[in-house]
N, C-alpha and C. Protein backbone atom coordinates (compact mmCIF):
# COMPACT_ATOMS: atom_id res chain seq x y z
N MET A 1 -22.98 32.15 68.89
CA MET A 1 -22.34 31.13 68.06
C MET A 1 -21.90 30.00 68.98
N SER A 2 -22.11 28.79 68.52
CA SER A 2 -21.71 27.63 69.32
C SER A 2 -20.19 27.53 69.36
N ASN A 3 -19.71 26.72 70.30
CA ASN A 3 -18.28 26.50 70.44
C ASN A 3 -17.67 25.94 69.16
N VAL A 4 -18.37 24.97 68.54
CA VAL A 4 -17.88 24.36 67.30
C VAL A 4 -17.88 25.40 66.18
N GLY A 5 -18.94 26.20 66.12
CA GLY A 5 -19.02 27.24 65.09
C GLY A 5 -17.89 28.25 65.22
N ALA A 6 -17.56 28.60 66.45
CA ALA A 6 -16.47 29.55 66.69
C ALA A 6 -15.13 28.95 66.26
N GLN A 7 -14.94 27.68 66.54
CA GLN A 7 -13.70 27.01 66.15
C GLN A 7 -13.57 26.96 64.63
N VAL A 8 -14.67 26.66 63.95
CA VAL A 8 -14.66 26.62 62.49
C VAL A 8 -14.33 28.00 61.94
N ALA A 9 -14.92 29.03 62.51
CA ALA A 9 -14.67 30.40 62.05
C ALA A 9 -13.19 30.76 62.21
N VAL A 10 -12.59 30.38 63.31
CA VAL A 10 -11.17 30.67 63.54
C VAL A 10 -10.31 29.95 62.51
N VAL A 11 -10.62 28.68 62.26
CA VAL A 11 -9.86 27.92 61.27
C VAL A 11 -9.98 28.57 59.90
N LEU A 12 -11.18 28.96 59.51
CA LEU A 12 -11.39 29.60 58.20
C LEU A 12 -10.65 30.93 58.11
N MET A 13 -10.65 31.72 59.17
CA MET A 13 -9.92 32.99 59.15
C MET A 13 -8.42 32.75 59.04
N CYS A 14 -7.91 31.74 59.74
CA CYS A 14 -6.48 31.43 59.65
C CYS A 14 -6.13 30.98 58.24
N LEU A 15 -6.97 30.15 57.65
CA LEU A 15 -6.72 29.67 56.29
C LEU A 15 -6.75 30.83 55.31
N ALA A 16 -7.72 31.72 55.44
CA ALA A 16 -7.80 32.88 54.55
C ALA A 16 -6.56 33.74 54.69
N GLY A 17 -6.11 33.97 55.91
CA GLY A 17 -4.88 34.75 56.12
C GLY A 17 -3.68 34.08 55.50
N PHE A 18 -3.60 32.79 55.62
CA PHE A 18 -2.49 32.01 55.05
C PHE A 18 -2.48 32.18 53.53
N LEU A 19 -3.65 32.05 52.91
CA LEU A 19 -3.74 32.15 51.46
C LEU A 19 -3.49 33.57 50.97
N LEU A 20 -4.03 34.55 51.68
CA LEU A 20 -3.84 35.94 51.28
C LEU A 20 -2.39 36.38 51.43
N ALA A 21 -1.69 35.80 52.36
CA ALA A 21 -0.28 36.15 52.58
C ALA A 21 0.61 35.57 51.48
N GLY A 22 0.04 34.79 50.59
CA GLY A 22 0.81 34.22 49.50
C GLY A 22 1.72 33.09 49.93
N CYS A 23 1.41 32.47 51.03
CA CYS A 23 2.24 31.38 51.54
C CYS A 23 1.94 30.12 50.73
N ALA A 24 2.97 29.38 50.47
CA ALA A 24 2.81 28.10 49.76
C ALA A 24 2.96 26.96 50.75
N VAL A 25 2.27 25.88 50.47
CA VAL A 25 2.39 24.67 51.29
C VAL A 25 3.71 24.00 50.94
N PRO A 26 4.56 23.71 51.92
CA PRO A 26 5.83 23.04 51.60
C PRO A 26 5.56 21.69 50.93
N GLU A 27 6.39 21.35 49.95
CA GLU A 27 6.21 20.10 49.22
C GLU A 27 6.22 18.90 50.15
N SER A 28 6.95 18.98 51.24
CA SER A 28 7.01 17.85 52.17
C SER A 28 5.66 17.57 52.82
N HIS A 29 4.73 18.54 52.76
CA HIS A 29 3.40 18.35 53.34
C HIS A 29 2.38 17.82 52.33
N LEU A 30 2.77 17.75 51.09
CA LEU A 30 1.85 17.26 50.07
C LEU A 30 1.89 15.73 50.02
N THR A 31 0.74 15.13 49.83
CA THR A 31 0.66 13.68 49.71
C THR A 31 0.95 13.30 48.27
N LYS A 32 1.89 12.40 48.10
CA LYS A 32 2.27 11.99 46.76
C LYS A 32 1.46 10.78 46.32
N ARG A 33 1.19 10.72 45.03
CA ARG A 33 0.46 9.61 44.43
C ARG A 33 1.47 8.76 43.66
N GLU A 34 1.47 7.45 43.93
CA GLU A 34 2.44 6.56 43.32
C GLU A 34 1.72 5.33 42.75
N VAL A 35 2.02 5.01 41.50
CA VAL A 35 1.46 3.81 40.88
C VAL A 35 2.19 2.59 41.45
N VAL A 36 1.42 1.56 41.78
CA VAL A 36 1.98 0.32 42.32
C VAL A 36 1.83 -0.77 41.27
N LEU A 37 2.96 -1.33 40.87
CA LEU A 37 2.97 -2.43 39.90
C LEU A 37 3.49 -3.68 40.57
N PRO A 38 2.78 -4.80 40.45
CA PRO A 38 3.31 -6.05 41.00
C PRO A 38 4.52 -6.50 40.19
N ALA A 39 5.34 -7.34 40.77
CA ALA A 39 6.53 -7.86 40.08
C ALA A 39 6.13 -8.47 38.74
N GLY A 40 6.85 -8.12 37.71
CA GLY A 40 6.61 -8.68 36.38
C GLY A 40 5.55 -7.95 35.57
N ALA A 41 4.86 -6.99 36.16
CA ALA A 41 3.83 -6.25 35.42
C ALA A 41 4.48 -5.14 34.61
N ALA A 42 3.99 -4.95 33.41
CA ALA A 42 4.51 -3.90 32.55
C ALA A 42 3.69 -2.63 32.74
N ALA A 43 4.37 -1.52 32.93
CA ALA A 43 3.68 -0.23 33.05
C ALA A 43 2.97 0.06 31.74
N GLY A 44 1.74 0.52 31.83
CA GLY A 44 0.98 0.87 30.64
C GLY A 44 0.35 -0.30 29.90
N ALA A 45 0.41 -1.50 30.48
CA ALA A 45 -0.18 -2.67 29.83
C ALA A 45 -1.70 -2.57 29.80
N THR A 46 -2.28 -1.82 30.72
CA THR A 46 -3.72 -1.61 30.78
C THR A 46 -3.97 -0.10 30.88
N PRO A 47 -5.18 0.36 30.58
CA PRO A 47 -5.47 1.79 30.67
C PRO A 47 -5.74 2.26 32.10
N TYR A 48 -5.37 1.47 33.08
CA TYR A 48 -5.53 1.83 34.49
C TYR A 48 -4.35 1.24 35.25
N SER A 49 -4.14 1.71 36.45
CA SER A 49 -3.05 1.20 37.30
C SER A 49 -3.55 0.04 38.13
N PRO A 50 -2.75 -1.03 38.27
CA PRO A 50 -3.16 -2.14 39.15
C PRO A 50 -3.39 -1.67 40.58
N GLY A 51 -2.54 -0.76 41.02
CA GLY A 51 -2.69 -0.20 42.35
C GLY A 51 -2.16 1.22 42.38
N VAL A 52 -2.64 2.00 43.33
CA VAL A 52 -2.17 3.37 43.53
C VAL A 52 -2.04 3.59 45.02
N ARG A 53 -0.88 4.12 45.42
CA ARG A 53 -0.68 4.47 46.84
C ARG A 53 -0.70 5.99 46.95
N VAL A 54 -1.53 6.47 47.87
CA VAL A 54 -1.60 7.88 48.20
C VAL A 54 -1.38 7.97 49.70
N GLY A 55 -0.24 8.49 50.09
CA GLY A 55 0.11 8.48 51.51
C GLY A 55 0.27 7.04 51.96
N ASN A 56 -0.47 6.65 52.99
CA ASN A 56 -0.37 5.27 53.46
C ASN A 56 -1.56 4.41 53.02
N ILE A 57 -2.36 4.91 52.08
CA ILE A 57 -3.52 4.17 51.58
C ILE A 57 -3.18 3.57 50.22
N ILE A 58 -3.54 2.31 50.04
CA ILE A 58 -3.33 1.61 48.77
C ILE A 58 -4.70 1.29 48.18
N TYR A 59 -4.92 1.76 46.96
CA TYR A 59 -6.15 1.46 46.23
C TYR A 59 -5.82 0.39 45.20
N ILE A 60 -6.53 -0.72 45.22
CA ILE A 60 -6.25 -1.83 44.33
C ILE A 60 -7.39 -1.95 43.33
N SER A 61 -7.04 -1.81 42.04
CA SER A 61 -8.04 -1.93 40.97
C SER A 61 -8.65 -3.33 40.97
N GLY A 62 -9.80 -3.45 40.35
CA GLY A 62 -10.47 -4.74 40.26
C GLY A 62 -9.57 -5.80 39.65
N GLN A 63 -9.42 -6.91 40.35
CA GLN A 63 -8.57 -8.01 39.89
C GLN A 63 -9.46 -9.16 39.46
N VAL A 64 -9.17 -9.69 38.27
CA VAL A 64 -9.94 -10.80 37.71
C VAL A 64 -8.98 -11.93 37.38
N ALA A 65 -9.54 -13.10 37.09
CA ALA A 65 -8.69 -14.28 36.85
C ALA A 65 -9.35 -15.24 35.88
N GLY A 66 -9.78 -14.75 34.74
CA GLY A 66 -10.41 -15.60 33.73
C GLY A 66 -9.50 -16.71 33.25
N GLU A 67 -8.17 -16.48 33.30
CA GLU A 67 -7.22 -17.50 32.86
C GLU A 67 -7.21 -18.73 33.76
N ALA A 68 -7.85 -18.63 34.93
CA ALA A 68 -7.92 -19.77 35.87
C ALA A 68 -9.01 -20.77 35.50
N GLY A 69 -9.78 -20.48 34.47
CA GLY A 69 -10.87 -21.38 34.09
C GLY A 69 -12.21 -20.80 34.48
N PRO A 70 -13.31 -21.50 34.19
CA PRO A 70 -14.64 -20.95 34.39
C PRO A 70 -15.21 -21.07 35.81
N ASP A 71 -14.51 -21.77 36.70
CA ASP A 71 -15.06 -22.04 38.03
C ASP A 71 -14.67 -20.98 39.05
N ILE A 72 -15.54 -20.79 40.01
CA ILE A 72 -15.36 -19.73 41.01
C ILE A 72 -14.15 -19.96 41.91
N ARG A 73 -13.90 -21.18 42.35
CA ARG A 73 -12.80 -21.44 43.29
C ARG A 73 -11.45 -21.00 42.71
N PRO A 74 -11.04 -21.51 41.53
CA PRO A 74 -9.73 -21.09 41.02
C PRO A 74 -9.68 -19.61 40.64
N GLN A 75 -10.79 -19.06 40.17
CA GLN A 75 -10.79 -17.63 39.86
C GLN A 75 -10.62 -16.79 41.13
N THR A 76 -11.29 -17.18 42.21
CA THR A 76 -11.16 -16.44 43.46
C THR A 76 -9.74 -16.55 44.00
N GLU A 77 -9.20 -17.76 43.99
CA GLU A 77 -7.83 -17.96 44.49
C GLU A 77 -6.83 -17.13 43.72
N LEU A 78 -6.94 -17.12 42.39
CA LEU A 78 -5.98 -16.38 41.58
C LEU A 78 -6.18 -14.87 41.72
N ALA A 79 -7.42 -14.43 41.77
CA ALA A 79 -7.68 -12.99 41.95
C ALA A 79 -7.10 -12.52 43.28
N LEU A 80 -7.24 -13.33 44.33
CA LEU A 80 -6.65 -12.98 45.64
C LEU A 80 -5.12 -12.96 45.57
N LYS A 81 -4.52 -13.87 44.80
CA LYS A 81 -3.06 -13.85 44.64
C LYS A 81 -2.62 -12.58 43.92
N LYS A 82 -3.41 -12.13 42.96
CA LYS A 82 -3.09 -10.89 42.27
C LYS A 82 -3.20 -9.69 43.21
N VAL A 83 -4.23 -9.68 44.05
CA VAL A 83 -4.37 -8.64 45.06
C VAL A 83 -3.15 -8.65 45.98
N GLN A 84 -2.77 -9.84 46.42
CA GLN A 84 -1.61 -9.98 47.31
C GLN A 84 -0.34 -9.44 46.66
N ALA A 85 -0.13 -9.72 45.38
CA ALA A 85 1.06 -9.24 44.68
C ALA A 85 1.11 -7.71 44.65
N ILE A 86 -0.04 -7.08 44.47
CA ILE A 86 -0.09 -5.61 44.45
C ILE A 86 0.17 -5.06 45.84
N VAL A 87 -0.49 -5.64 46.84
CA VAL A 87 -0.31 -5.18 48.22
C VAL A 87 1.16 -5.31 48.63
N GLU A 88 1.77 -6.44 48.30
CA GLU A 88 3.18 -6.65 48.66
C GLU A 88 4.10 -5.71 47.88
N ALA A 89 3.77 -5.41 46.63
CA ALA A 89 4.57 -4.46 45.85
C ALA A 89 4.53 -3.06 46.48
N ALA A 90 3.45 -2.78 47.20
CA ALA A 90 3.32 -1.49 47.88
C ALA A 90 3.96 -1.51 49.26
N GLY A 91 4.54 -2.65 49.64
CA GLY A 91 5.21 -2.74 50.93
C GLY A 91 4.31 -3.13 52.08
N ALA A 92 3.18 -3.74 51.79
CA ALA A 92 2.23 -4.14 52.84
C ALA A 92 1.99 -5.64 52.75
N ALA A 93 1.01 -6.12 53.52
CA ALA A 93 0.67 -7.55 53.56
C ALA A 93 -0.84 -7.70 53.48
N MET A 94 -1.29 -8.92 53.26
CA MET A 94 -2.73 -9.18 53.19
C MET A 94 -3.45 -8.71 54.46
N SER A 95 -2.78 -8.79 55.59
CA SER A 95 -3.39 -8.34 56.85
C SER A 95 -3.60 -6.82 56.87
N SER A 96 -3.03 -6.10 55.91
CA SER A 96 -3.19 -4.65 55.81
C SER A 96 -4.42 -4.25 55.00
N ILE A 97 -5.08 -5.24 54.41
CA ILE A 97 -6.28 -4.93 53.62
C ILE A 97 -7.42 -4.56 54.56
N ASP A 98 -8.02 -3.40 54.32
CA ASP A 98 -9.06 -2.88 55.19
C ASP A 98 -10.47 -3.08 54.65
N LYS A 99 -10.63 -3.03 53.32
CA LYS A 99 -11.97 -3.09 52.72
C LYS A 99 -11.87 -3.70 51.34
N CYS A 100 -12.80 -4.57 51.01
CA CYS A 100 -12.88 -5.15 49.67
C CYS A 100 -14.32 -5.11 49.17
N THR A 101 -14.44 -5.03 47.87
CA THR A 101 -15.73 -5.20 47.22
C THR A 101 -15.57 -6.38 46.28
N VAL A 102 -16.48 -7.33 46.39
CA VAL A 102 -16.47 -8.53 45.55
C VAL A 102 -17.65 -8.42 44.59
N PHE A 103 -17.37 -8.60 43.31
CA PHE A 103 -18.41 -8.62 42.29
C PHE A 103 -18.51 -10.06 41.78
N LEU A 104 -19.67 -10.66 41.93
CA LEU A 104 -19.94 -12.02 41.45
C LEU A 104 -20.99 -11.98 40.36
N THR A 105 -20.84 -12.85 39.37
CA THR A 105 -21.87 -12.92 38.32
C THR A 105 -22.95 -13.94 38.64
N ARG A 106 -22.67 -14.83 39.62
CA ARG A 106 -23.65 -15.87 39.98
C ARG A 106 -23.79 -15.92 41.50
N GLN A 107 -24.98 -15.74 41.99
CA GLN A 107 -25.23 -15.80 43.43
C GLN A 107 -24.88 -17.18 43.99
N THR A 108 -25.01 -18.21 43.17
CA THR A 108 -24.72 -19.58 43.62
C THR A 108 -23.23 -19.77 43.94
N ASP A 109 -22.37 -18.85 43.52
CA ASP A 109 -20.93 -18.93 43.80
C ASP A 109 -20.56 -18.33 45.16
N PHE A 110 -21.50 -17.73 45.84
CA PHE A 110 -21.21 -17.00 47.08
C PHE A 110 -20.58 -17.91 48.14
N ALA A 111 -21.12 -19.08 48.37
CA ALA A 111 -20.61 -19.97 49.43
C ALA A 111 -19.18 -20.42 49.15
N VAL A 112 -18.89 -20.78 47.91
CA VAL A 112 -17.53 -21.23 47.56
C VAL A 112 -16.55 -20.06 47.68
N MET A 113 -16.96 -18.88 47.20
CA MET A 113 -16.11 -17.70 47.34
C MET A 113 -15.80 -17.45 48.81
N ASN A 114 -16.80 -17.61 49.68
CA ASN A 114 -16.59 -17.41 51.12
C ASN A 114 -15.59 -18.41 51.70
N GLU A 115 -15.62 -19.65 51.24
CA GLU A 115 -14.64 -20.66 51.70
C GLU A 115 -13.22 -20.22 51.36
N VAL A 116 -13.01 -19.82 50.12
CA VAL A 116 -11.69 -19.36 49.69
C VAL A 116 -11.29 -18.12 50.48
N TRP A 117 -12.24 -17.23 50.69
CA TRP A 117 -11.99 -15.98 51.43
C TRP A 117 -11.51 -16.28 52.84
N ARG A 118 -12.17 -17.24 53.51
CA ARG A 118 -11.77 -17.59 54.88
C ARG A 118 -10.33 -18.10 54.93
N ASN A 119 -9.88 -18.82 53.91
CA ASN A 119 -8.50 -19.30 53.85
C ASN A 119 -7.52 -18.14 53.65
N ALA A 120 -7.91 -17.16 52.86
CA ALA A 120 -7.04 -16.01 52.59
C ALA A 120 -6.96 -15.08 53.78
N PHE A 121 -8.04 -14.99 54.55
CA PHE A 121 -8.10 -14.10 55.71
C PHE A 121 -8.57 -14.90 56.94
N PRO A 122 -7.70 -15.76 57.49
CA PRO A 122 -8.12 -16.65 58.58
C PRO A 122 -8.49 -15.93 59.88
N SER A 123 -7.93 -14.74 60.09
CA SER A 123 -8.30 -13.97 61.28
C SER A 123 -8.35 -12.49 60.91
N ASN A 124 -9.19 -11.76 61.58
CA ASN A 124 -9.36 -10.32 61.33
C ASN A 124 -9.55 -9.99 59.86
N PRO A 125 -10.55 -10.58 59.21
CA PRO A 125 -10.76 -10.30 57.78
C PRO A 125 -11.15 -8.84 57.57
N PRO A 126 -10.91 -8.34 56.36
CA PRO A 126 -11.28 -6.96 56.06
C PRO A 126 -12.79 -6.80 55.97
N ALA A 127 -13.24 -5.57 56.05
CA ALA A 127 -14.64 -5.27 55.76
C ALA A 127 -14.87 -5.64 54.29
N ARG A 128 -16.11 -6.04 53.97
CA ARG A 128 -16.35 -6.50 52.61
C ARG A 128 -17.80 -6.27 52.22
N SER A 129 -17.98 -5.92 50.96
CA SER A 129 -19.30 -5.89 50.34
C SER A 129 -19.26 -6.88 49.19
N THR A 130 -20.37 -7.56 48.96
CA THR A 130 -20.46 -8.48 47.83
C THR A 130 -21.67 -8.06 47.00
N VAL A 131 -21.45 -7.90 45.71
CA VAL A 131 -22.49 -7.44 44.81
C VAL A 131 -22.66 -8.48 43.71
N ILE A 132 -23.89 -8.88 43.45
CA ILE A 132 -24.17 -9.78 42.33
C ILE A 132 -24.46 -8.88 41.13
N VAL A 133 -23.67 -9.09 40.06
CA VAL A 133 -23.78 -8.24 38.87
C VAL A 133 -24.25 -9.06 37.68
N GLY A 134 -24.79 -8.39 36.69
CA GLY A 134 -25.26 -9.08 35.49
C GLY A 134 -24.13 -9.63 34.65
N ALA A 135 -23.00 -8.94 34.64
CA ALA A 135 -21.86 -9.38 33.84
C ALA A 135 -20.62 -8.61 34.27
N LEU A 136 -19.47 -9.17 33.92
CA LEU A 136 -18.18 -8.50 34.08
C LEU A 136 -17.64 -8.23 32.68
N PRO A 137 -16.53 -7.51 32.54
CA PRO A 137 -16.08 -7.08 31.21
C PRO A 137 -15.80 -8.19 30.18
N ARG A 138 -15.48 -9.38 30.64
CA ARG A 138 -15.26 -10.50 29.70
C ARG A 138 -16.18 -11.64 30.11
N PRO A 139 -16.72 -12.39 29.15
CA PRO A 139 -17.72 -13.42 29.47
C PRO A 139 -17.21 -14.55 30.36
N GLU A 140 -15.92 -14.86 30.36
CA GLU A 140 -15.39 -15.95 31.19
C GLU A 140 -15.21 -15.56 32.65
N LEU A 141 -15.35 -14.29 32.97
CA LEU A 141 -15.13 -13.82 34.34
C LEU A 141 -16.36 -14.06 35.21
N VAL A 142 -16.12 -14.62 36.41
CA VAL A 142 -17.21 -14.84 37.36
C VAL A 142 -17.01 -14.06 38.65
N ILE A 143 -15.82 -13.46 38.83
CA ILE A 143 -15.53 -12.69 40.03
C ILE A 143 -14.55 -11.57 39.72
N GLU A 144 -14.71 -10.45 40.42
CA GLU A 144 -13.75 -9.36 40.38
C GLU A 144 -13.60 -8.85 41.81
N LEU A 145 -12.36 -8.60 42.23
CA LEU A 145 -12.06 -8.13 43.58
C LEU A 145 -11.43 -6.75 43.51
N GLU A 146 -11.95 -5.84 44.30
CA GLU A 146 -11.43 -4.48 44.40
C GLU A 146 -11.18 -4.23 45.88
N CYS A 147 -9.99 -3.73 46.24
CA CYS A 147 -9.65 -3.60 47.66
C CYS A 147 -8.98 -2.27 47.98
N MET A 148 -8.97 -1.96 49.26
CA MET A 148 -8.20 -0.84 49.82
C MET A 148 -7.38 -1.40 50.98
N ALA A 149 -6.16 -0.92 51.10
CA ALA A 149 -5.27 -1.39 52.17
C ALA A 149 -4.48 -0.18 52.71
N HIS A 150 -3.65 -0.44 53.69
CA HIS A 150 -2.79 0.62 54.23
C HIS A 150 -1.38 0.07 54.43
N THR A 151 -0.43 0.99 54.48
CA THR A 151 0.95 0.58 54.76
C THR A 151 1.30 0.92 56.19
């Protein structure tokens, strides 16, 4: 058996012994899940949480900004402000954002979205994927931002 295999076997035997002994994991060792609401947001206003913190990870639901009008620049700016409000409600900052996924309905909006993005993340920007999609949930939406951050 390789060294790694032996280590795995030892860990599995220890875990089995722990479980068979009827030992419980202390609650202090469990990671708690907490809904994150930005200031002014009503709990239950949507069928999903704007953000969820599990341990030191913050998951931010897709943020849209159709109320900003039909153009990509104001929608991107407002969607980023919404992301910022959630991150700050979780006790973090925009610099804590590690990964984002951007959904665009028009490939021609990519350059303008990138300009706004550079202003929001002037140094050390998060990892990012951009996907061109056929549509978003409402016809006036041209962008949706989904992010992960840490505290």
